[in-house]
Structures are given as C-alpha cells and as structure tokens.
Amino acid sequence: MAAFLLPAIAVYAVFMIYPLVRGVYLSLTNSVGGPRADFVGVEQYRAMLDSPQVTAALWHTVLYAAVVVVVQNALGLLFASMLFRRPRVRKVLSVVLLTPALISPIMAAFIWSYLFAPSGGINALLGAFGLDALEHIWLGDPSTALYAVAAVNIWMFTGYSCAIFLASYLTMPTELLDAAAVDGATGWQRFRSVEWPLLAPALTVNVTLSLIGSLKVFEFPLVLTNGGPAGATDTLTQLVYRNVFGGGKFAFGIAVSVLLLAIVVVLSSATSSLLRLRERRI
C-alpha cells in the first residue's frame, strides 16, 4: 500500500509542501527575487504591520469576502428554492444560472468593465427606463467600486451555490415535506422548520467555498479597476502581485502572501467547524 502512495506523496511534496516551506523562508529574508537572500527574521512582517497599504488591502479583502459570501449564498438559496418548486423549468434555468461560471474570470471582467463604463450598458439601461438620476461612474467612485467588483463575482458564481443548494433540496425526504403541507404549514413556516435544517450541509459547503474563493480574489479587481480608484479595490492578492512581480520587494510580497494564506486557513477552518457544529446540533 505504501508503494502506491509514494508517487502521490512525492508529487504533493514537490508541488505543495516545498513551495510553501520555501515561501515562508523567503518571507524571513531580504530577497529581491535573485539568488541572494540574507536572513532578516521578522523584519518583513514588521514592515507589513506598519504599512497602511496592507491595512487597507486587508480591510478591502475582508469586506469583499463578506459581501460575496452573504449575497451569493442568499441568491443561490433563493434560486434553488424557486427551481425546486418549478420542476418544469428547472433544467433550463439551471443551465442559464451556471452559464456565467463557464466564462473565464478575465473575460467576464472585461465584459463587465464595458457594462460598468459611464456610457456602458448599465447606465444606458437606467436611462432607458427614465432612471437617469441613478446613473453612476460605478468603477470610478471609491464608494461603489469595491461593491461593483463584488457584484461581478456574485454574478459569476451564484449558479454554483444554487446548484449545491438545489442538490440538497432534491435529496430531502418527500414525506417530511408532505407532512408539513398536510399540517398546514405556510411556505415560510415549511422553509424555516423543515427545509432550512435539512440544508445545513449544503450551507456549510457553499459558505466555505465562497469564503475561500473571495478571500483569494485576484482577476476581477485587477482587470476592472487595477486596485483603483485611489486604492479603493486594492486586495492582498494584488499587493502580492505588485511586490513580487516588478515591485522590487520580493520578500515583502511573499510575507503578504503568507499572511493571506494564514487568513484563508484560519477563517475557512473556523467557519467550517462552526457550521459543522451547527449541523450536529440540528
């Protein structure tokens, strides 16, 4: 058995463990990307804690993740509930909802950059309905740019969340749903008392996956705003990219990536554990 596991372990060690260990080591040096790297301890982490850019990027990353996780899963649950109750259109609408996820993130970002443009599709649509007062420079205003970028993320992956919730819906015992209907439970009462507890495993999967994905977001803010305006959409992944590739602060960028890894591991593990505990209680 061990002989069969050795190739997989070797590949995992070469492509996962070694880069991770090497990255942590480089974050403790003054490397600028070349062969020379002198050990400087936690100097890069001290510089990171004193950097207002890192503080702002951390806040943007957490806010972005919170918006995406809440809205994406709320919409996914809403659509799944609607599709479960409408089997005739379930297949067609499921394909429609999953279609955005088939587009590459870069392509999706470029499409939405045109839609969000001052003369783009969104403002044109608002003008066509006489809502000129709502027209806005969506990606050029620091107060709306981050939420506009998050909207693209939500649009692209709501179908995934919907599919997971719908799969959970389709495995629900029909006798429980029928019993609730016979007892006269309204739609909301049936959802709260029967469907919501049975959706607990799907909620755990969806929240965990959307949290990890949104914390690591890179393509959407890079293409749509490149961190602007005035750094309003700067995220930790963009700081890593700029410092590691051309910023002249290779070790500093690696230190930021280690921070991001720690945040992803801690938050996703804690969230998953709490939701699993909720499942057992239910």
Protein backbone atom coordinates (compact mmCIF):
# COMPACT_ATOMS: atom_id res chain seq x y z
CA MET A 1 0.00 0.00 0.00
CA ALA A 2 2.82 2.42 0.88
CA ALA A 3 4.42 1.84 -2.52
CA PHE A 4 1.24 3.01 -4.23
CA LEU A 5 1.08 6.13 -2.07
CA LEU A 6 4.69 7.17 -2.61
CA PRO A 7 4.22 8.74 -6.09
CA ALA A 8 1.29 10.84 -4.88
CA ILE A 9 3.16 11.86 -1.73
CA ALA A 10 6.24 12.78 -3.79
CA VAL A 11 4.20 14.94 -6.19
CA TYR A 12 2.41 16.63 -3.29
CA ALA A 13 5.68 17.30 -1.50
CA VAL A 14 7.36 18.76 -4.61
CA PHE A 15 4.50 20.95 -5.76
CA MET A 16 2.82 21.86 -2.45
CA ILE A 17 4.96 21.33 0.65
CA TYR A 18 8.28 22.55 -0.75
CA PRO A 19 6.89 25.80 -2.27
CA LEU A 20 5.09 26.53 0.99
CA VAL A 21 8.18 25.98 3.15
CA ARG A 22 10.36 27.88 0.68
CA GLY A 23 7.90 30.75 0.63
CA VAL A 24 7.84 31.04 4.41
CA TYR A 25 11.64 31.02 4.46
CA LEU A 26 11.89 33.73 1.77
CA SER A 27 9.48 35.91 3.76
CA LEU A 28 12.14 35.91 6.50
CA THR A 29 14.84 37.21 4.15
CA ASN A 30 15.59 40.41 2.23
CA SER A 31 15.34 38.70 -1.15
CA VAL A 32 14.54 40.87 -4.17
CA GLY A 33 13.94 37.87 -6.42
CA GLY A 34 17.55 37.00 -7.21
CA PRO A 35 19.76 34.20 -5.92
CA ARG A 36 20.91 36.19 -2.89
CA ALA A 37 18.70 36.09 0.19
CA ASP A 38 20.00 37.14 3.61
CA PHE A 39 18.04 36.08 6.66
CA VAL A 40 16.47 39.09 8.42
CA GLY A 41 13.95 37.39 10.70
CA VAL A 42 10.53 39.01 11.02
CA GLU A 43 11.60 42.32 9.51
CA GLN A 44 9.25 41.94 6.54
CA TYR A 45 6.33 41.23 8.86
CA ARG A 46 7.12 44.32 10.94
CA ALA A 47 7.16 46.39 7.77
CA MET A 48 3.88 44.80 6.75
CA LEU A 49 2.21 45.70 10.06
CA ASP A 50 3.38 49.31 9.68
CA SER A 51 2.19 49.57 6.07
CA PRO A 52 -1.08 51.49 5.53
CA GLN A 53 -1.37 49.77 2.15
CA VAL A 54 -1.50 46.35 3.77
CA THR A 55 -4.05 47.55 6.35
CA ALA A 56 -6.28 49.00 3.62
CA ALA A 57 -5.92 45.92 1.41
CA LEU A 58 -6.76 43.64 4.33
CA TRP A 59 -9.92 45.62 5.06
CA HIS A 60 -10.94 45.58 1.39
CA THR A 61 -10.34 41.82 1.19
CA VAL A 62 -12.43 41.07 4.29
CA LEU A 63 -15.25 43.42 3.23
CA TYR A 64 -15.25 41.97 -0.27
CA ALA A 65 -15.43 38.42 1.10
CA ALA A 66 -18.26 39.30 3.48
CA VAL A 67 -20.36 40.86 0.70
CA VAL A 68 -19.75 37.98 -1.69
CA VAL A 69 -20.42 35.22 0.84
CA VAL A 70 -23.67 36.73 2.11
CA VAL A 71 -25.19 37.89 -1.19
CA GLN A 72 -24.01 34.97 -3.33
CA ASN A 73 -25.37 32.35 -0.96
CA ALA A 74 -28.60 34.25 -0.33
CA LEU A 75 -29.26 34.46 -4.07
CA GLY A 76 -28.18 30.86 -4.61
CA LEU A 77 -30.61 29.70 -1.93
CA LEU A 78 -33.41 31.85 -3.35
CA PHE A 79 -32.93 30.49 -6.87
CA ALA A 80 -32.61 26.91 -5.63
CA SER A 81 -35.85 27.23 -3.68
CA MET A 82 -37.63 28.61 -6.74
CA LEU A 83 -36.27 25.91 -9.06
CA PHE A 84 -37.18 23.14 -6.61
CA ARG A 85 -40.80 24.29 -6.72
CA ARG A 86 -40.84 24.62 -10.52
CA PRO A 87 -39.63 21.31 -11.98
CA ARG A 88 -40.83 22.17 -15.50
CA VAL A 89 -38.29 24.96 -15.93
CA ARG A 90 -35.64 23.56 -13.60
CA LYS A 91 -33.27 22.19 -16.24
CA VAL A 92 -33.40 25.24 -18.49
CA LEU A 93 -32.93 27.79 -15.73
CA SER A 94 -30.21 25.71 -14.07
CA VAL A 95 -28.19 25.88 -17.28
CA VAL A 96 -28.79 29.62 -17.52
CA LEU A 97 -27.57 30.16 -13.96
CA LEU A 98 -24.46 28.04 -14.48
CA THR A 99 -23.52 29.64 -17.80
CA PRO A 100 -21.59 32.60 -16.28
CA ALA A 101 -19.32 30.15 -14.44
CA LEU A 102 -18.25 28.69 -17.80
CA ILE A 103 -16.71 32.03 -18.82
CA SER A 104 -13.13 32.68 -17.79
CA PRO A 105 -12.84 35.27 -14.98
CA ILE A 106 -10.68 37.51 -17.18
CA MET A 107 -13.26 37.51 -19.97
CA ALA A 108 -16.09 38.12 -17.51
CA ALA A 109 -14.20 41.06 -16.02
CA PHE A 110 -13.65 42.60 -19.45
CA ILE A 111 -17.34 42.21 -20.31
CA TRP A 112 -18.42 43.89 -17.10
CA SER A 113 -15.87 46.67 -17.50
CA TYR A 114 -17.82 47.75 -20.59
CA LEU A 115 -21.15 47.37 -18.80
CA PHE A 116 -19.95 49.48 -15.86
CA ALA A 117 -18.46 52.19 -18.11
CA PRO A 118 -20.04 55.68 -17.85
CA SER A 119 -21.63 55.16 -21.27
CA GLY A 120 -21.98 51.41 -20.83
CA GLY A 121 -24.92 49.08 -20.67
CA ILE A 122 -25.95 49.61 -17.05
CA ASN A 123 -26.23 53.40 -17.29
CA ALA A 124 -27.86 53.08 -20.71
CA LEU A 125 -30.46 50.71 -19.26
CA LEU A 126 -31.15 53.07 -16.38
CA GLY A 127 -31.55 55.95 -18.82
CA ALA A 128 -33.92 53.91 -21.00
CA PHE A 129 -36.23 53.44 -18.02
CA GLY A 130 -36.06 57.12 -17.06
CA LEU A 131 -33.79 56.50 -14.08
CA ASP A 132 -31.14 58.98 -15.12
CA ALA A 133 -30.64 60.05 -11.50
CA LEU A 134 -29.29 56.58 -10.71
CA GLU A 135 -26.61 56.64 -13.41
CA HIS A 136 -23.19 56.47 -11.87
CA ILE A 137 -19.48 56.04 -12.52
CA TRP A 138 -19.55 52.64 -10.89
CA LEU A 139 -15.88 51.74 -11.11
CA GLY A 140 -14.59 55.29 -10.78
CA ASP A 141 -16.20 56.11 -7.45
CA PRO A 142 -14.33 54.81 -4.36
CA SER A 143 -17.64 54.35 -2.54
CA THR A 144 -19.06 51.94 -5.13
CA ALA A 145 -16.05 50.41 -6.89
CA LEU A 146 -15.48 47.52 -4.46
CA TYR A 147 -19.17 46.60 -4.45
CA ALA A 148 -19.27 46.73 -8.25
CA VAL A 149 -16.35 44.31 -8.42
CA ALA A 150 -18.05 42.07 -5.86
CA ALA A 151 -21.22 42.11 -8.00
CA VAL A 152 -19.27 40.54 -10.87
CA ASN A 153 -18.04 37.78 -8.56
CA ILE A 154 -21.59 37.19 -7.32
CA TRP A 155 -22.98 37.13 -10.88
CA MET A 156 -20.42 34.57 -11.95
CA PHE A 157 -20.68 32.06 -9.11
CA THR A 158 -24.26 32.30 -7.83
CA GLY A 159 -25.07 29.42 -10.17
CA TYR A 160 -22.59 27.20 -8.32
CA SER A 161 -24.20 27.99 -4.98
CA CYS A 162 -27.64 27.42 -6.47
CA ALA A 163 -26.60 24.01 -7.85
CA ILE A 164 -25.33 22.85 -4.44
CA PHE A 165 -28.46 24.05 -2.63
CA LEU A 166 -30.69 22.51 -5.31
CA ALA A 167 -28.91 19.16 -5.00
CA SER A 168 -29.64 19.25 -1.27
CA TYR A 169 -33.27 20.14 -1.97
CA LEU A 170 -33.66 17.16 -4.30
CA THR A 171 -32.44 14.75 -1.63
CA MET A 172 -34.92 15.91 1.02
CA PRO A 173 -37.33 13.21 2.23
CA THR A 174 -40.62 13.89 0.48
CA GLU A 175 -42.57 12.53 3.44
CA LEU A 176 -41.33 15.38 5.64
CA LEU A 177 -42.35 18.00 3.09
CA ASP A 178 -45.73 16.31 2.57
CA ALA A 179 -46.30 16.12 6.32
CA ALA A 180 -45.57 19.82 6.68
CA ALA A 181 -48.04 20.60 3.89
CA VAL A 182 -50.73 18.39 5.48
CA ASP A 183 -50.19 20.16 8.81
CA GLY A 184 -50.98 23.43 7.06
CA ALA A 185 -47.51 24.96 7.23
CA THR A 186 -47.12 28.05 5.08
CA GLY A 187 -44.23 28.46 2.67
CA TRP A 188 -42.14 30.38 5.20
CA GLN A 189 -43.00 28.03 8.07
CA ARG A 190 -42.08 24.99 5.98
CA PHE A 191 -38.80 26.60 4.93
CA ARG A 192 -37.83 27.62 8.46
CA SER A 193 -38.84 24.41 10.22
CA VAL A 194 -38.15 21.71 7.62
CA GLU A 195 -36.10 22.89 4.65
CA TRP A 196 -33.58 25.17 6.39
CA PRO A 197 -32.34 22.49 8.86
CA LEU A 198 -32.01 19.96 6.03
CA LEU A 199 -29.98 22.45 4.00
CA ALA A 200 -27.30 22.71 6.71
CA PRO A 201 -24.68 20.53 4.91
CA ALA A 202 -25.15 22.46 1.66
CA LEU A 203 -24.81 25.74 3.53
CA THR A 204 -21.52 24.58 5.05
CA VAL A 205 -20.09 23.69 1.64
CA ASN A 206 -21.30 26.87 -0.04
CA VAL A 207 -20.13 29.26 2.66
CA THR A 208 -16.72 27.60 2.92
CA LEU A 209 -16.11 27.56 -0.84
CA SER A 210 -17.32 31.11 -1.42
CA LEU A 211 -15.28 32.38 1.53
CA ILE A 212 -12.06 30.81 0.25
CA GLY A 213 -12.67 31.98 -3.30
CA SER A 214 -13.49 35.57 -2.36
CA LEU A 215 -10.53 35.93 0.01
CA LYS A 216 -8.21 34.88 -2.82
CA VAL A 217 -9.87 37.09 -5.46
CA PHE A 218 -7.42 38.45 -8.00
CA GLU A 219 -8.67 38.66 -11.59
CA PHE A 220 -11.77 40.78 -11.03
CA PRO A 221 -10.19 43.76 -9.23
CA LEU A 222 -7.08 43.54 -11.41
CA VAL A 223 -8.95 43.81 -14.71
CA LEU A 224 -11.84 46.02 -13.63
CA THR A 225 -10.01 48.63 -11.55
CA ASN A 226 -6.37 47.57 -11.08
CA GLY A 227 -6.81 48.42 -7.42
CA GLY A 228 -8.27 51.86 -8.04
CA PRO A 229 -9.73 54.34 -7.75
CA ALA A 230 -7.36 55.67 -5.10
CA GLY A 231 -6.70 52.14 -3.86
CA ALA A 232 -10.38 51.52 -3.07
CA THR A 233 -10.30 47.99 -4.54
CA ASP A 234 -6.77 47.02 -3.60
CA THR A 235 -6.71 43.50 -2.17
CA LEU A 236 -4.00 41.38 -0.59
CA THR A 237 -3.56 39.33 -3.76
CA GLN A 238 -2.85 42.48 -5.75
CA LEU A 239 -0.25 43.59 -3.22
CA VAL A 240 1.44 40.23 -3.59
CA TYR A 241 1.38 40.52 -7.38
CA ARG A 242 2.79 44.05 -7.49
CA ASN A 243 5.57 43.43 -4.98
CA VAL A 244 6.65 40.01 -6.22
CA PHE A 245 6.48 40.82 -9.94
CA GLY A 246 8.20 44.14 -10.51
CA GLY A 247 7.74 45.94 -7.23
CA GLY A 248 11.32 45.39 -6.07
CA LYS A 249 10.06 44.00 -2.74
CA PHE A 250 10.01 40.29 -3.41
CA ALA A 251 10.33 39.16 0.22
CA PHE A 252 7.74 41.70 1.33
CA GLY A 253 5.28 40.36 -1.24
CA ILE A 254 5.93 36.81 -0.08
CA ALA A 255 5.27 37.90 3.50
CA VAL A 256 1.91 39.33 2.42
CA SER A 257 1.11 36.04 0.68
CA VAL A 258 1.91 34.15 3.90
CA LEU A 259 -0.44 36.49 5.77
CA LEU A 260 -3.16 35.83 3.20
CA LEU A 261 -2.63 32.08 3.48
CA ALA A 262 -2.95 32.26 7.26
CA ILE A 263 -6.15 34.30 6.98
CA VAL A 264 -7.68 31.87 4.48
CA VAL A 265 -6.78 28.82 6.57
CA VAL A 266 -7.95 30.30 9.88
CA LEU A 267 -11.20 31.84 8.63
CA SER A 268 -12.22 28.90 6.43
CA SER A 269 -11.37 26.34 9.12
CA ALA A 270 -13.21 28.28 11.83
CA THR A 271 -16.24 28.85 9.61
CA SER A 272 -16.40 25.24 8.50
CA SER A 273 -16.02 23.99 12.07
CA LEU A 274 -18.79 26.26 13.37
CA LEU A 275 -21.15 25.24 10.58
CA ARG A 276 -20.34 21.55 11.12
CA LEU A 277 -21.12 22.02 14.80
CA ARG A 278 -24.42 23.62 13.80
CA GLU A 279 -25.18 20.60 11.61
CA ARG A 280 -24.67 18.21 14.55
CA ARG A 281 -26.88 20.32 16.80
CA ILE A 282 -29.65 20.36 14.21
